[in-house]
Amino acid sequence: AYFELYADIWSGSMNEMAAEVNLDQEKIIDNFWINLAEAGAAQGEIDSAISPRYAAYLIDSQTLLFFFAMTSAYHQKRLNIFLVENSEQFPYEELIDKIVENLKLCLAPRSL
């Protein structure tokens, strides 16, 4: 139920509530992801040339799509089309692995 409410707040179906609630929640979520990105850069897991805000945006975007997939059959099927080849079911564990793999490809330090 929490994921459904969270996903619904970010969707067009609750625009009035979203306008009031989102900014406060966004600041908390944004700070969490930015701190995570800064820690990842400090540990060498995220390329230090990538802005922590940009890294946070990528992580947040992937997480939000996962939340949508957990609450919407449409988004489940959509993510399956892109990330899970030849699968009739929606394997969350495999999807999480692919999202983490994609984030690593986007954010990992580059070797020259």
PDB file of N, CA and C in Angstrom:
ATOM      1  N   ALA A   1       0.820  -1.186   0.000  1.00  0.00           N
ATOM      2  CA  ALA A   1       0.000   0.000   0.000  1.00  0.00           C
ATOM      3  C   ALA A   1       0.869   1.257   0.000  1.00  0.00           C
ATOM      4  N   TYR A   2       1.977   1.247   0.762  1.00  0.00           N
ATOM      5  CA  TYR A   2       2.856   2.413   0.805  1.00  0.00           C
ATOM      6  C   TYR A   2       3.414   2.710  -0.583  1.00  0.00           C
ATOM      7  N   PHE A   3       3.880   1.663  -1.288  1.00  0.00           N
ATOM      8  CA  PHE A   3       4.440   1.865  -2.619  1.00  0.00           C
ATOM      9  C   PHE A   3       3.392   2.410  -3.580  1.00  0.00           C
ATOM     10  N   GLU A   4       2.149   1.932  -3.454  1.00  0.00           N
ATOM     11  CA  GLU A   4       1.078   2.424  -4.322  1.00  0.00           C
ATOM     12  C   GLU A   4       0.817   3.907  -4.069  1.00  0.00           C
ATOM     13  N   LEU A   5       0.771   4.307  -2.800  1.00  0.00           N
ATOM     14  CA  LEU A   5       0.561   5.709  -2.472  1.00  0.00           C
ATOM     15  C   LEU A   5       1.726   6.545  -2.975  1.00  0.00           C
ATOM     16  N   TYR A   6       2.937   6.074  -2.747  1.00  0.00           N
ATOM     17  CA  TYR A   6       4.136   6.785  -3.192  1.00  0.00           C
ATOM     18  C   TYR A   6       4.106   6.970  -4.704  1.00  0.00           C
ATOM     19  N   ALA A   7       3.822   5.907  -5.438  1.00  0.00           N
ATOM     20  CA  ALA A   7       3.768   5.985  -6.897  1.00  0.00           C
ATOM     21  C   ALA A   7       2.633   6.889  -7.353  1.00  0.00           C
ATOM     22  N   ASP A   8       1.512   6.817  -6.663  1.00  0.00           N
ATOM     23  CA  ASP A   8       0.358   7.611  -7.049  1.00  0.00           C
ATOM     24  C   ASP A   8       0.604   9.101  -6.817  1.00  0.00           C
ATOM     25  N   ILE A   9       1.305   9.442  -5.757  1.00  0.00           N
ATOM     26  CA  ILE A   9       1.605  10.848  -5.472  1.00  0.00           C
ATOM     27  C   ILE A   9       2.410  11.450  -6.621  1.00  0.00           C
ATOM     28  N   TRP A  10       3.297  10.660  -7.200  1.00  0.00           N
ATOM     29  CA  TRP A  10       4.161  11.165  -8.265  1.00  0.00           C
ATOM     30  C   TRP A  10       3.465  11.119  -9.619  1.00  0.00           C
ATOM     31  N   SER A  11       2.287  10.556  -9.689  1.00  0.00           N
ATOM     32  CA  SER A  11       1.590  10.457 -10.966  1.00  0.00           C
ATOM     33  C   SER A  11       0.587  11.590 -11.123  1.00  0.00           C
ATOM     34  N   GLY A  12       0.043  11.702 -12.306  1.00  0.00           N
ATOM     35  CA  GLY A  12      -0.900  12.761 -12.596  1.00  0.00           C
ATOM     36  C   GLY A  12      -2.223  12.623 -11.877  1.00  0.00           C
ATOM     37  N   SER A  13      -2.509  11.463 -11.310  1.00  0.00           N
ATOM     38  CA  SER A  13      -3.804  11.261 -10.682  1.00  0.00           C
ATOM     39  C   SER A  13      -3.952  12.021  -9.364  1.00  0.00           C
ATOM     40  N   MET A  14      -2.854  12.501  -8.810  1.00  0.00           N
ATOM     41  CA  MET A  14      -2.936  13.224  -7.545  1.00  0.00           C
ATOM     42  C   MET A  14      -2.182  14.545  -7.631  1.00  0.00           C
ATOM     43  N   ASN A  15      -2.370  15.262  -8.716  1.00  0.00           N
ATOM     44  CA  ASN A  15      -1.617  16.492  -8.926  1.00  0.00           C
ATOM     45  C   ASN A  15      -1.764  17.508  -7.799  1.00  0.00           C
ATOM     46  N   GLU A  16      -2.975  17.697  -7.271  1.00  0.00           N
ATOM     47  CA  GLU A  16      -3.151  18.682  -6.195  1.00  0.00           C
ATOM     48  C   GLU A  16      -2.356  18.296  -4.961  1.00  0.00           C
ATOM     49  N   MET A  17      -2.503  17.049  -4.523  1.00  0.00           N
ATOM     50  CA  MET A  17      -1.767  16.590  -3.344  1.00  0.00           C
ATOM     51  C   MET A  17      -0.270  16.591  -3.629  1.00  0.00           C
ATOM     52  N   ALA A  18       0.110  16.175  -4.815  1.00  0.00           N
ATOM     53  CA  ALA A  18       1.527  16.111  -5.170  1.00  0.00           C
ATOM     54  C   ALA A  18       2.180  17.480  -5.095  1.00  0.00           C
ATOM     55  N   ALA A  19       1.473  18.512  -5.502  1.00  0.00           N
ATOM     56  CA  ALA A  19       2.029  19.860  -5.480  1.00  0.00           C
ATOM     57  C   ALA A  19       2.376  20.295  -4.064  1.00  0.00           C
ATOM     58  N   GLU A  20       1.609  19.853  -3.086  1.00  0.00           N
ATOM     59  CA  GLU A  20       1.858  20.239  -1.699  1.00  0.00           C
ATOM     60  C   GLU A  20       2.854  19.316  -0.999  1.00  0.00           C
ATOM     61  N   VAL A  21       2.766  18.041  -1.258  1.00  0.00           N
ATOM     62  CA  VAL A  21       3.561  17.053  -0.531  1.00  0.00           C
ATOM     63  C   VAL A  21       4.942  16.865  -1.132  1.00  0.00           C
ATOM     64  N   ASN A  22       5.045  16.897  -2.436  1.00  0.00           N
ATOM     65  CA  ASN A  22       6.279  16.523  -3.112  1.00  0.00           C
ATOM     66  C   ASN A  22       7.511  17.303  -2.697  1.00  0.00           C
ATOM     67  N   LEU A  23       7.408  18.607  -2.591  1.00  0.00           N
ATOM     68  CA  LEU A  23       8.602  19.395  -2.336  1.00  0.00           C
ATOM     69  C   LEU A  23       9.278  19.006  -1.029  1.00  0.00           C
ATOM     70  N   ASP A  24       8.507  18.835   0.032  1.00  0.00           N
ATOM     71  CA  ASP A  24       9.101  18.434   1.308  1.00  0.00           C
ATOM     72  C   ASP A  24       9.691  17.034   1.213  1.00  0.00           C
ATOM     73  N   GLN A  25       8.959  16.122   0.606  1.00  0.00           N
ATOM     74  CA  GLN A  25       9.467  14.762   0.459  1.00  0.00           C
ATOM     75  C   GLN A  25      10.666  14.720  -0.477  1.00  0.00           C
ATOM     76  N   GLU A  26      10.608  15.483  -1.542  1.00  0.00           N
ATOM     77  CA  GLU A  26      11.712  15.501  -2.498  1.00  0.00           C
ATOM     78  C   GLU A  26      13.020  15.943  -1.849  1.00  0.00           C
ATOM     79  N   LYS A  27      12.962  16.938  -0.989  1.00  0.00           N
ATOM     80  CA  LYS A  27      14.173  17.423  -0.336  1.00  0.00           C
ATOM     81  C   LYS A  27      14.814  16.326   0.499  1.00  0.00           C
ATOM     82  N   ILE A  28      13.996  15.564   1.212  1.00  0.00           N
ATOM     83  CA  ILE A  28      14.506  14.461   2.033  1.00  0.00           C
ATOM     84  C   ILE A  28      15.103  13.375   1.151  1.00  0.00           C
ATOM     85  N   ILE A  29      14.362  12.991   0.121  1.00  0.00           N
ATOM     86  CA  ILE A  29      14.823  11.935  -0.790  1.00  0.00           C
ATOM     87  C   ILE A  29      16.063  12.393  -1.543  1.00  0.00           C
ATOM     88  N   ASP A  30      16.041  13.631  -2.065  1.00  0.00           N
ATOM     89  CA  ASP A  30      17.191  14.153  -2.801  1.00  0.00           C
ATOM     90  C   ASP A  30      18.445  14.145  -1.934  1.00  0.00           C
ATOM     91  N   ASN A  31      18.316  14.627  -0.703  1.00  0.00           N
ATOM     92  CA  ASN A  31      19.478  14.648   0.195  1.00  0.00           C
ATOM     93  C   ASN A  31      20.001  13.244   0.474  1.00  0.00           C
ATOM     94  N   PHE A  32      19.095  12.289   0.624  1.00  0.00           N
ATOM     95  CA  PHE A  32      19.521  10.903   0.843  1.00  0.00           C
ATOM     96  C   PHE A  32      20.360  10.409  -0.332  1.00  0.00           C
ATOM     97  N   TRP A  33      19.839  10.590  -1.568  1.00  0.00           N
ATOM     98  CA  TRP A  33      20.557  10.105  -2.751  1.00  0.00           C
ATOM     99  C   TRP A  33      21.859  10.876  -2.975  1.00  0.00           C
ATOM    100  N   ILE A  34      21.852  12.179  -2.729  1.00  0.00           N
ATOM    101  CA  ILE A  34      23.078  12.964  -2.893  1.00  0.00           C
ATOM    102  C   ILE A  34      24.139  12.499  -1.907  1.00  0.00           C
ATOM    103  N   ASN A  35      23.749  12.275  -0.651  1.00  0.00           N
ATOM    104  CA  ASN A  35      24.705  11.754   0.344  1.00  0.00           C
ATOM    105  C   ASN A  35      25.220  10.380  -0.058  1.00  0.00           C
ATOM    106  N   LEU A  36      24.347   9.548  -0.583  1.00  0.00           N
ATOM    107  CA  LEU A  36      24.758   8.220  -1.047  1.00  0.00           C
ATOM    108  C   LEU A  36      25.752   8.348  -2.201  1.00  0.00           C
ATOM    109  N   ALA A  37      25.475   9.240  -3.134  1.00  0.00           N
ATOM    110  CA  ALA A  37      26.374   9.444  -4.276  1.00  0.00           C
ATOM    111  C   ALA A  37      27.731   9.984  -3.820  1.00  0.00           C
ATOM    112  N   GLU A  38      27.727  10.907  -2.881  1.00  0.00           N
ATOM    113  CA  GLU A  38      28.985  11.449  -2.356  1.00  0.00           C
ATOM    114  C   GLU A  38      29.791  10.355  -1.661  1.00  0.00           C
ATOM    115  N   ALA A  39      29.107   9.510  -0.896  1.00  0.00           N
ATOM    116  CA  ALA A  39      29.788   8.394  -0.226  1.00  0.00           C
ATOM    117  C   ALA A  39      30.339   7.415  -1.265  1.00  0.00           C
ATOM    118  N   GLY A  40      29.561   7.153  -2.316  1.00  0.00           N
ATOM    119  CA  GLY A  40      30.020   6.258  -3.374  1.00  0.00           C
ATOM    120  C   GLY A  40      31.249   6.807  -4.082  1.00  0.00           C
ATOM    121  N   ALA A  41      31.281   8.108  -4.314  1.00  0.00           N
ATOM    122  CA  ALA A  41      32.450   8.727  -4.944  1.00  0.00           C
ATOM    123  C   ALA A  41      33.654   8.661  -4.011  1.00  0.00           C
ATOM    124  N   ALA A  42      33.428   8.898  -2.724  1.00  0.00           N
ATOM    125  CA  ALA A  42      34.525   8.847  -1.748  1.00  0.00           C
ATOM    126  C   ALA A  42      35.116   7.448  -1.645  1.00  0.00           C
ATOM    127  N   GLN A  43      34.292   6.424  -1.870  1.00  0.00           N
ATOM    128  CA  GLN A  43      34.756   5.041  -1.797  1.00  0.00           C
ATOM    129  C   GLN A  43      35.239   4.518  -3.148  1.00  0.00           C
ATOM    130  N   GLY A  44      35.190   5.362  -4.177  1.00  0.00           N
ATOM    131  CA  GLY A  44      35.666   4.960  -5.492  1.00  0.00           C
ATOM    132  C   GLY A  44      34.680   4.130  -6.296  1.00  0.00           C
ATOM    133  N   GLU A  45      33.427   4.077  -5.863  1.00  0.00           N
ATOM    134  CA  GLU A  45      32.420   3.302  -6.591  1.00  0.00           C
ATOM    135  C   GLU A  45      31.708   4.137  -7.645  1.00  0.00           C
ATOM    136  N   ILE A  46      31.742   5.461  -7.499  1.00  0.00           N
ATOM    137  CA  ILE A  46      31.141   6.382  -8.458  1.00  0.00           C
ATOM    138  C   ILE A  46      32.237   7.311  -8.951  1.00  0.00           C
ATOM    139  N   ASP A  47      32.283   7.510 -10.248  1.00  0.00           N
ATOM    140  CA  ASP A  47      33.294   8.364 -10.865  1.00  0.00           C
ATOM    141  C   ASP A  47      33.241   9.754 -10.235  1.00  0.00           C
ATOM    142  N   SER A  48      34.373  10.227  -9.745  1.00  0.00           N
ATOM    143  CA  SER A  48      34.415  11.526  -9.072  1.00  0.00           C
ATOM    144  C   SER A  48      34.171  12.685 -10.032  1.00  0.00           C
ATOM    145  N   ALA A  49      34.252  12.426 -11.336  1.00  0.00           N
ATOM    146  CA  ALA A  49      33.969  13.470 -12.326  1.00  0.00           C
ATOM    147  C   ALA A  49      32.463  13.682 -12.502  1.00  0.00           C
ATOM    148  N   ILE A  50      31.670  12.756 -11.992  1.00  0.00           N
ATOM    149  CA  ILE A  50      30.220  12.859 -12.099  1.00  0.00           C
ATOM    150  C   ILE A  50      29.697  13.654 -10.906  1.00  0.00           C
ATOM    151  N   SER A  51      28.905  14.645 -11.185  1.00  0.00           N
ATOM    152  CA  SER A  51      28.304  15.457 -10.129  1.00  0.00           C
ATOM    153  C   SER A  51      27.470  14.570  -9.205  1.00  0.00           C
ATOM    154  N   PRO A  52      27.587  14.747  -7.885  1.00  0.00           N
ATOM    155  CA  PRO A  52      26.749  13.969  -6.968  1.00  0.00           C
ATOM    156  C   PRO A  52      25.254  14.169  -7.240  1.00  0.00           C
ATOM    157  N   ARG A  53      24.878  15.358  -7.659  1.00  0.00           N
ATOM    158  CA  ARG A  53      23.464  15.611  -7.972  1.00  0.00           C
ATOM    159  C   ARG A  53      23.018  14.818  -9.199  1.00  0.00           C
ATOM    160  N   TYR A  54      23.869  14.732 -10.203  1.00  0.00           N
ATOM    161  CA  TYR A  54      23.544  13.949 -11.398  1.00  0.00           C
ATOM    162  C   TYR A  54      23.469  12.469 -11.043  1.00  0.00           C
ATOM    163  N   ALA A  55      24.436  11.988 -10.280  1.00  0.00           N
ATOM    164  CA  ALA A  55      24.424  10.585  -9.856  1.00  0.00           C
ATOM    165  C   ALA A  55      23.170  10.300  -9.038  1.00  0.00           C
ATOM    166  N   ALA A  56      22.825  11.222  -8.141  1.00  0.00           N
ATOM    167  CA  ALA A  56      21.619  11.053  -7.324  1.00  0.00           C
ATOM    168  C   ALA A  56      20.374  10.996  -8.193  1.00  0.00           C
ATOM    169  N   TYR A  57      20.322  11.830  -9.229  1.00  0.00           N
ATOM    170  CA  TYR A  57      19.175  11.828 -10.139  1.00  0.00           C
ATOM    171  C   TYR A  57      19.050  10.475 -10.857  1.00  0.00           C
ATOM    172  N   LEU A  58      20.163   9.927 -11.321  1.00  0.00           N
ATOM    173  CA  LEU A  58      20.118   8.630 -11.987  1.00  0.00           C
ATOM    174  C   LEU A  58      19.634   7.526 -11.041  1.00  0.00           C
ATOM    175  N   ILE A  59      20.154   7.527  -9.831  1.00  0.00           N
ATOM    176  CA  ILE A  59      19.753   6.518  -8.848  1.00  0.00           C
ATOM    177  C   ILE A  59      18.269   6.681  -8.515  1.00  0.00           C
ATOM    178  N   ASP A  60      17.834   7.915  -8.281  1.00  0.00           N
ATOM    179  CA  ASP A  60      16.435   8.179  -7.962  1.00  0.00           C
ATOM    180  C   ASP A  60      15.523   7.751  -9.112  1.00  0.00           C
ATOM    181  N   SER A  61      15.908   8.064 -10.333  1.00  0.00           N
ATOM    182  CA  SER A  61      15.082   7.714 -11.490  1.00  0.00           C
ATOM    183  C   SER A  61      14.902   6.203 -11.613  1.00  0.00           C
ATOM    184  N   GLN A  62      15.981   5.472 -11.443  1.00  0.00           N
ATOM    185  CA  GLN A  62      15.894   4.015 -11.529  1.00  0.00           C
ATOM    186  C   GLN A  62      15.043   3.447 -10.395  1.00  0.00           C
ATOM    187  N   THR A  63      15.192   4.003  -9.202  1.00  0.00           N
ATOM    188  CA  THR A  63      14.407   3.555  -8.050  1.00  0.00           C
ATOM    189  C   THR A  63      12.928   3.844  -8.253  1.00  0.00           C
ATOM    190  N   LEU A  64      12.623   5.020  -8.756  1.00  0.00           N
ATOM    191  CA  LEU A  64      11.234   5.388  -8.988  1.00  0.00           C
ATOM    192  C   LEU A  64      10.582   4.464 -10.017  1.00  0.00           C
ATOM    193  N   LEU A  65      11.314   4.139 -11.076  1.00  0.00           N
ATOM    194  CA  LEU A  65      10.770   3.203 -12.070  1.00  0.00           C
ATOM    195  C   LEU A  65      10.524   1.827 -11.445  1.00  0.00           C
ATOM    196  N   PHE A  66      11.398   1.417 -10.542  1.00  0.00           N
ATOM    197  CA  PHE A  66      11.189   0.141  -9.861  1.00  0.00           C
ATOM    198  C   PHE A  66       9.932   0.197  -8.995  1.00  0.00           C
ATOM    199  N   PHE A  67       9.728   1.317  -8.271  1.00  0.00           N
ATOM    200  CA  PHE A  67       8.500   1.473  -7.473  1.00  0.00           C
ATOM    201  C   PHE A  67       7.267   1.391  -8.356  1.00  0.00           C
ATOM    202  N   PHE A  68       7.310   2.067  -9.501  1.00  0.00           N
ATOM    203  CA  PHE A  68       6.178   1.996 -10.417  1.00  0.00           C
ATOM    204  C   PHE A  68       5.932   0.561 -10.859  1.00  0.00           C
ATOM    205  N   ALA A  69       6.994  -0.164 -11.131  1.00  0.00           N
ATOM    206  CA  ALA A  69       6.851  -1.551 -11.577  1.00  0.00           C
ATOM    207  C   ALA A  69       6.259  -2.442 -10.482  1.00  0.00           C
ATOM    208  N   MET A  70       6.513  -2.095  -9.234  1.00  0.00           N
ATOM    209  CA  MET A  70       5.969  -2.887  -8.136  1.00  0.00           C
ATOM    210  C   MET A  70       4.479  -2.638  -7.932  1.00  0.00           C
ATOM    211  N   THR A  71       3.974  -1.507  -8.447  1.00  0.00           N
ATOM    212  CA  THR A  71       2.580  -1.144  -8.183  1.00  0.00           C
ATOM    213  C   THR A  71       1.709  -1.119  -9.428  1.00  0.00           C
ATOM    214  N   SER A  72       2.289  -1.350 -10.587  1.00  0.00           N
ATOM    215  CA  SER A  72       1.529  -1.229 -11.824  1.00  0.00           C
ATOM    216  C   SER A  72       1.868  -2.363 -12.779  1.00  0.00           C
ATOM    217  N   ALA A  73       0.850  -3.093 -13.205  1.00  0.00           N
ATOM    218  CA  ALA A  73       1.065  -4.176 -14.164  1.00  0.00           C
ATOM    219  C   ALA A  73       1.654  -3.635 -15.463  1.00  0.00           C
ATOM    220  N   TYR A  74       1.195  -2.452 -15.863  1.00  0.00           N
ATOM    221  CA  TYR A  74       1.725  -1.840 -17.085  1.00  0.00           C
ATOM    222  C   TYR A  74       3.230  -1.618 -16.974  1.00  0.00           C
ATOM    223  N   HIS A  75       3.689  -1.019 -15.869  1.00  0.00           N
ATOM    224  CA  HIS A  75       5.114  -0.746 -15.694  1.00  0.00           C
ATOM    225  C   HIS A  75       5.912  -2.030 -15.488  1.00  0.00           C
ATOM    226  N   GLN A  76       5.301  -3.047 -14.890  1.00  0.00           N
ATOM    227  CA  GLN A  76       5.972  -4.344 -14.782  1.00  0.00           C
ATOM    228  C   GLN A  76       6.281  -4.884 -16.171  1.00  0.00           C
ATOM    229  N   LYS A  77       5.269  -4.889 -17.028  1.00  0.00           N
ATOM    230  CA  LYS A  77       5.461  -5.408 -18.386  1.00  0.00           C
ATOM    231  C   LYS A  77       6.448  -4.551 -19.159  1.00  0.00           C
ATOM    232  N   ARG A  78       6.374  -3.246 -18.969  1.00  0.00           N
ATOM    233  CA  ARG A  78       7.268  -2.330 -19.686  1.00  0.00           C
ATOM    234  C   ARG A  78       8.726  -2.573 -19.301  1.00  0.00           C
ATOM    235  N   LEU A  79       9.001  -2.703 -18.016  1.00  0.00           N
ATOM    236  CA  LEU A  79      10.372  -2.980 -17.598  1.00  0.00           C
ATOM    237  C   LEU A  79      10.831  -4.351 -18.065  1.00  0.00           C
ATOM    238  N   ASN A  80       9.931  -5.323 -18.048  1.00  0.00           N
ATOM    239  CA  ASN A  80      10.289  -6.645 -18.565  1.00  0.00           C
ATOM    240  C   ASN A  80      10.732  -6.559 -20.019  1.00  0.00           C
ATOM    241  N   ILE A  81      10.022  -5.779 -20.813  1.00  0.00           N
ATOM    242  CA  ILE A  81      10.368  -5.645 -22.229  1.00  0.00           C
ATOM    243  C   ILE A  81      11.797  -5.136 -22.386  1.00  0.00           C
ATOM    244  N   PHE A  82      12.168  -4.148 -21.571  1.00  0.00           N
ATOM    245  CA  PHE A  82      13.488  -3.550 -21.703  1.00  0.00           C
ATOM    246  C   PHE A  82      14.597  -4.327 -21.007  1.00  0.00           C
ATOM    247  N   LEU A  83      14.308  -4.912 -19.849  1.00  0.00           N
ATOM    248  CA  LEU A  83      15.391  -5.445 -19.022  1.00  0.00           C
ATOM    249  C   LEU A  83      15.425  -6.955 -18.869  1.00  0.00           C
ATOM    250  N   VAL A  84      14.317  -7.625 -19.071  1.00  0.00           N
ATOM    251  CA  VAL A  84      14.279  -9.066 -18.808  1.00  0.00           C
ATOM    252  C   VAL A  84      13.859  -9.769 -20.090  1.00  0.00           C
ATOM    253  N   GLU A  85      14.824 -10.374 -20.744  1.00  0.00           N
ATOM    254  CA  GLU A  85      14.542 -11.032 -22.008  1.00  0.00           C
ATOM    255  C   GLU A  85      13.808 -12.353 -21.787  1.00  0.00           C
ATOM    256  N   ASN A  86      12.840 -12.623 -22.657  1.00  0.00           N
ATOM    257  CA  ASN A  86      12.119 -13.898 -22.686  1.00  0.00           C
ATOM    258  C   ASN A  86      11.525 -14.294 -21.341  1.00  0.00           C
ATOM    259  N   SER A  87      10.913 -13.351 -20.659  1.00  0.00           N
ATOM    260  CA  SER A  87      10.351 -13.664 -19.349  1.00  0.00           C
ATOM    261  C   SER A  87       8.873 -13.300 -19.321  1.00  0.00           C
ATOM    262  N   GLU A  88       8.043 -14.250 -18.945  1.00  0.00           N
ATOM    263  CA  GLU A  88       6.613 -14.012 -18.795  1.00  0.00           C
ATOM    264  C   GLU A  88       6.314 -13.408 -17.421  1.00  0.00           C
ATOM    265  N   GLN A  89       7.111 -13.773 -16.426  1.00  0.00           N
ATOM    266  CA  GLN A  89       6.899 -13.287 -15.067  1.00  0.00           C
ATOM    267  C   GLN A  89       7.790 -12.083 -14.812  1.00  0.00           C
ATOM    268  N   PHE A  90       7.514 -11.419 -13.720  1.00  0.00           N
ATOM    269  CA  PHE A  90       8.293 -10.246 -13.348  1.00  0.00           C
ATOM    270  C   PHE A  90       9.187 -10.612 -12.170  1.00  0.00           C
ATOM    271  N   PRO A  91      10.420 -11.056 -12.439  1.00  0.00           N
ATOM    272  CA  PRO A  91      11.320 -11.461 -11.353  1.00  0.00           C
ATOM    273  C   PRO A  91      11.999 -10.250 -10.708  1.00  0.00           C
ATOM    274  N   TYR A  92      11.513  -9.848  -9.542  1.00  0.00           N
ATOM    275  CA  TYR A  92      12.047  -8.662  -8.877  1.00  0.00           C
ATOM    276  C   TYR A  92      13.546  -8.758  -8.619  1.00  0.00           C
ATOM    277  N   GLU A  93      14.013  -9.934  -8.205  1.00  0.00           N
ATOM    278  CA  GLU A  93      15.439 -10.083  -7.904  1.00  0.00           C
ATOM    279  C   GLU A  93      16.283  -9.828  -9.150  1.00  0.00           C
ATOM    280  N   GLU A  94      15.833 -10.357 -10.284  1.00  0.00           N
ATOM    281  CA  GLU A  94      16.569 -10.152 -11.525  1.00  0.00           C
ATOM    282  C   GLU A  94      16.506  -8.684 -11.947  1.00  0.00           C
ATOM    283  N   LEU A  95      15.364  -8.065 -11.754  1.00  0.00           N
ATOM    284  CA  LEU A  95      15.235  -6.658 -12.101  1.00  0.00           C
ATOM    285  C   LEU A  95      16.155  -5.798 -11.241  1.00  0.00           C
ATOM    286  N   ILE A  96      16.205  -6.064  -9.946  1.00  0.00           N
ATOM    287  CA  ILE A  96      17.091  -5.313  -9.055  1.00  0.00           C
ATOM    288  C   ILE A  96      18.534  -5.469  -9.508  1.00  0.00           C
ATOM    289  N   ASP A  97      18.934  -6.703  -9.842  1.00  0.00           N
ATOM    290  CA  ASP A  97      20.301  -6.938 -10.325  1.00  0.00           C
ATOM    291  C   ASP A  97      20.581  -6.125 -11.586  1.00  0.00           C
ATOM    292  N   LYS A  98      19.628  -6.079 -12.497  1.00  0.00           N
ATOM    293  CA  LYS A  98      19.830  -5.339 -13.746  1.00  0.00           C
ATOM    294  C   LYS A  98      19.873  -3.832 -13.513  1.00  0.00           C
ATOM    295  N   ILE A  99      19.064  -3.341 -12.609  1.00  0.00           N
ATOM    296  CA  ILE A  99      19.091  -1.911 -12.298  1.00  0.00           C
ATOM    297  C   ILE A  99      20.437  -1.537 -11.679  1.00  0.00           C
ATOM    298  N   VAL A 100      20.911  -2.342 -10.750  1.00  0.00           N
ATOM    299  CA  VAL A 100      22.218  -2.079 -10.137  1.00  0.00           C
ATOM    300  C   VAL A 100      23.314  -2.161 -11.189  1.00  0.00           C
ATOM    301  N   GLU A 101      23.242  -3.149 -12.072  1.00  0.00           N
ATOM    302  CA  GLU A 101      24.222  -3.287 -13.149  1.00  0.00           C
ATOM    303  C   GLU A 101      24.211  -2.054 -14.054  1.00  0.00           C
ATOM    304  N   ASN A 102      23.022  -1.583 -14.419  1.00  0.00           N
ATOM    305  CA  ASN A 102      22.904  -0.390 -15.256  1.00  0.00           C
ATOM    306  C   ASN A 102      23.486   0.837 -14.561  1.00  0.00           C
ATOM    307  N   LEU A 103      23.193   0.999 -13.268  1.00  0.00           N
ATOM    308  CA  LEU A 103      23.736   2.135 -12.530  1.00  0.00           C
ATOM    309  C   LEU A 103      25.258   2.074 -12.456  1.00  0.00           C
ATOM    310  N   LYS A 104      25.783   0.878 -12.259  1.00  0.00           N
ATOM    311  CA  LYS A 104      27.257   0.726 -12.234  1.00  0.00           C
ATOM    312  C   LYS A 104      27.863   1.124 -13.569  1.00  0.00           C
ATOM    313  N   LEU A 105      27.231   0.702 -14.665  1.00  0.00           N
ATOM    314  CA  LEU A 105      27.732   1.058 -15.989  1.00  0.00           C
ATOM    315  C   LEU A 105      27.723   2.575 -16.208  1.00  0.00           C
ATOM    316  N   CYS A 106      26.699   3.225 -15.689  1.00  0.00           N
ATOM    317  CA  CYS A 106      26.581   4.681 -15.859  1.00  0.00           C
ATOM    318  C   CYS A 106      27.482   5.474 -14.922  1.00  0.00           C
ATOM    319  N   LEU A 107      27.699   4.969 -13.729  1.00  0.00           N
ATOM    320  CA  LEU A 107      28.333   5.773 -12.687  1.00  0.00           C
ATOM    321  C   LEU A 107      29.742   5.344 -12.302  1.00  0.00           C
ATOM    322  N   ALA A 108      30.157   4.146 -12.674  1.00  0.00           N
ATOM    323  CA  ALA A 108      31.456   3.624 -12.241  1.00  0.00           C
ATOM    324  C   ALA A 108      32.601   4.474 -12.770  1.00  0.00           C
ATOM    325  N   PRO A 109      33.687   4.535 -12.001  1.00  0.00           N
ATOM    326  CA  PRO A 109      34.865   5.261 -12.482  1.00  0.00           C
ATOM    327  C   PRO A 109      35.354   4.695 -13.816  1.00  0.00           C
ATOM    328  N   ARG A 110      35.759   5.564 -14.693  1.00  0.00           N
ATOM    329  CA  ARG A 110      36.245   5.165 -16.016  1.00  0.00           C
ATOM    330  C   ARG A 110      37.751   5.004 -15.966  1.00  0.00           C
ATOM    331  N   SER A 111      38.233   3.965 -16.601  1.00  0.00           N
ATOM    332  CA  SER A 111      39.677   3.812 -16.724  1.00  0.00           C
ATOM    333  C   SER A 111      40.085   4.302 -18.112  1.00  0.00           C
ATOM    334  N   LEU A 112      41.143   5.044 -18.153  1.00  0.00           N
ATOM    335  CA  LEU A 112      41.597   5.622 -19.436  1.00  0.00           C
ATOM    336  C   LEU A 112      42.566   4.723 -20.136  1.00  0.00           C
TER     337      LEU A 112
END
